[in-house]
């Protein structure tokens, strides 16, 4: 048996830190298929967390358990927003 390196409580705290922040969600669908989309973590509950995709027409699942995050089926990364381009008047 492989011993886990992180506990569920550590994962919950990490997701709580992402609450109401833009993130990039990467889902492993199996057979080397992945979906990546920008979203915002909008709910943290005792057994799951929810994300709100930026694309309003997204038809995928938006609630995930902490165990999905621990086993690698779901990955969250805090989004790096590009700074607005600076315009120079010549």
Protein backbone atom coordinates (compact mmCIF):
# COMPACT_ATOMS: atom_id res chain seq x y z
CA UNK A 1 0.00 0.00 0.00
CA UNK A 2 1.28 3.46 -0.88
CA UNK A 3 1.18 5.93 1.99
CA UNK A 4 -0.34 9.28 1.08
CA UNK A 5 2.00 12.25 1.31
CA UNK A 6 -0.78 14.78 1.95
CA UNK A 7 -3.88 14.50 4.09
CA UNK A 8 -7.42 15.42 3.16
CA UNK A 9 -7.30 18.34 5.61
CA UNK A 10 -4.24 19.76 3.84
CA UNK A 11 -6.05 19.50 0.50
CA UNK A 12 -9.14 21.20 1.95
CA UNK A 13 -7.03 24.08 3.28
CA UNK A 14 -5.34 24.49 -0.11
CA UNK A 15 -8.72 24.62 -1.87
CA UNK A 16 -10.02 27.10 0.75
CA UNK A 17 -7.09 29.36 -0.12
CA UNK A 18 -8.31 29.34 -3.76
CA UNK A 19 -11.87 30.38 -2.83
CA UNK A 20 -13.16 33.16 -5.14
CA UNK A 21 -9.88 33.21 -7.04
CA UNK A 22 -9.42 32.42 -10.73
CA UNK A 23 -7.96 28.96 -11.31
CA UNK A 24 -7.18 26.68 -14.20
CA UNK A 25 -8.83 23.27 -13.89
CA UNK A 26 -7.32 20.25 -15.64
CA UNK A 27 -9.46 17.10 -15.73
CA UNK A 28 -8.07 13.66 -16.53
CA UNK A 29 -10.77 11.81 -18.48
CA UNK A 30 -8.70 8.65 -18.92
CA UNK A 31 -6.99 7.18 -21.99
CA UNK A 32 -4.74 10.25 -22.28
CA UNK A 33 -7.70 12.62 -22.65
CA UNK A 34 -7.62 15.90 -20.75
CA UNK A 35 -9.84 18.97 -20.54
CA UNK A 36 -8.42 22.27 -19.33
CA UNK A 37 -10.62 25.28 -18.64
CA UNK A 38 -10.46 28.55 -16.69
CA UNK A 39 -12.79 28.79 -13.71
CA UNK A 40 -13.32 30.27 -10.26
CA UNK A 41 -13.63 28.23 -7.06
CA UNK A 42 -16.99 29.38 -5.76
CA UNK A 43 -17.89 26.88 -3.06
CA UNK A 44 -16.02 24.85 -0.44
CA UNK A 45 -18.01 22.24 1.45
CA UNK A 46 -17.08 19.42 3.87
CA UNK A 47 -16.88 16.69 1.22
CA UNK A 48 -16.58 18.57 -2.10
CA UNK A 49 -15.81 21.87 -3.77
CA UNK A 50 -17.44 23.59 -6.74
CA UNK A 51 -16.02 25.65 -9.57
CA UNK A 52 -17.71 28.14 -11.87
CA UNK A 53 -16.33 27.91 -15.43
CA UNK A 54 -15.72 31.18 -17.27
CA UNK A 55 -17.39 29.69 -20.36
CA UNK A 56 -21.13 29.91 -19.68
CA UNK A 57 -21.80 27.11 -22.22
CA UNK A 58 -19.59 24.58 -20.39
CA UNK A 59 -21.54 21.34 -20.03
CA UNK A 60 -19.10 19.37 -17.86
CA UNK A 61 -19.16 18.53 -14.19
CA UNK A 62 -18.39 21.44 -11.87
CA UNK A 63 -18.36 19.79 -8.42
CA UNK A 64 -15.40 17.65 -7.37
CA UNK A 65 -14.45 15.72 -4.25
CA UNK A 66 -11.19 16.24 -2.44
CA UNK A 67 -10.22 12.62 -3.16
CA UNK A 68 -10.35 13.37 -6.92
CA UNK A 69 -7.81 16.11 -6.28
CA UNK A 70 -5.63 13.80 -4.18
CA UNK A 71 -5.55 10.98 -6.73
CA UNK A 72 -4.80 13.30 -9.66
CA UNK A 73 -8.08 13.10 -11.58
CA UNK A 74 -8.51 16.85 -11.05
CA UNK A 75 -5.73 19.44 -10.86
CA UNK A 76 -6.13 23.06 -9.81
CA UNK A 77 -3.64 25.80 -10.55
CA UNK A 78 -4.08 29.44 -9.59
CA UNK A 79 -4.48 31.30 -12.87
CA UNK A 80 -1.87 33.81 -13.89
CA UNK A 81 -3.81 36.68 -15.37
CA UNK A 82 -1.98 38.58 -18.07
CA UNK A 83 -1.52 42.22 -17.25
CA UNK A 84 -3.36 44.69 -19.45
CA UNK A 85 -1.16 45.90 -22.28
CA UNK A 86 0.23 49.36 -21.77
CA UNK A 87 -0.46 51.72 -24.65
CA UNK A 88 2.03 54.41 -25.49
CA UNK A 89 1.03 57.58 -27.25
CA UNK A 90 3.60 58.65 -29.79
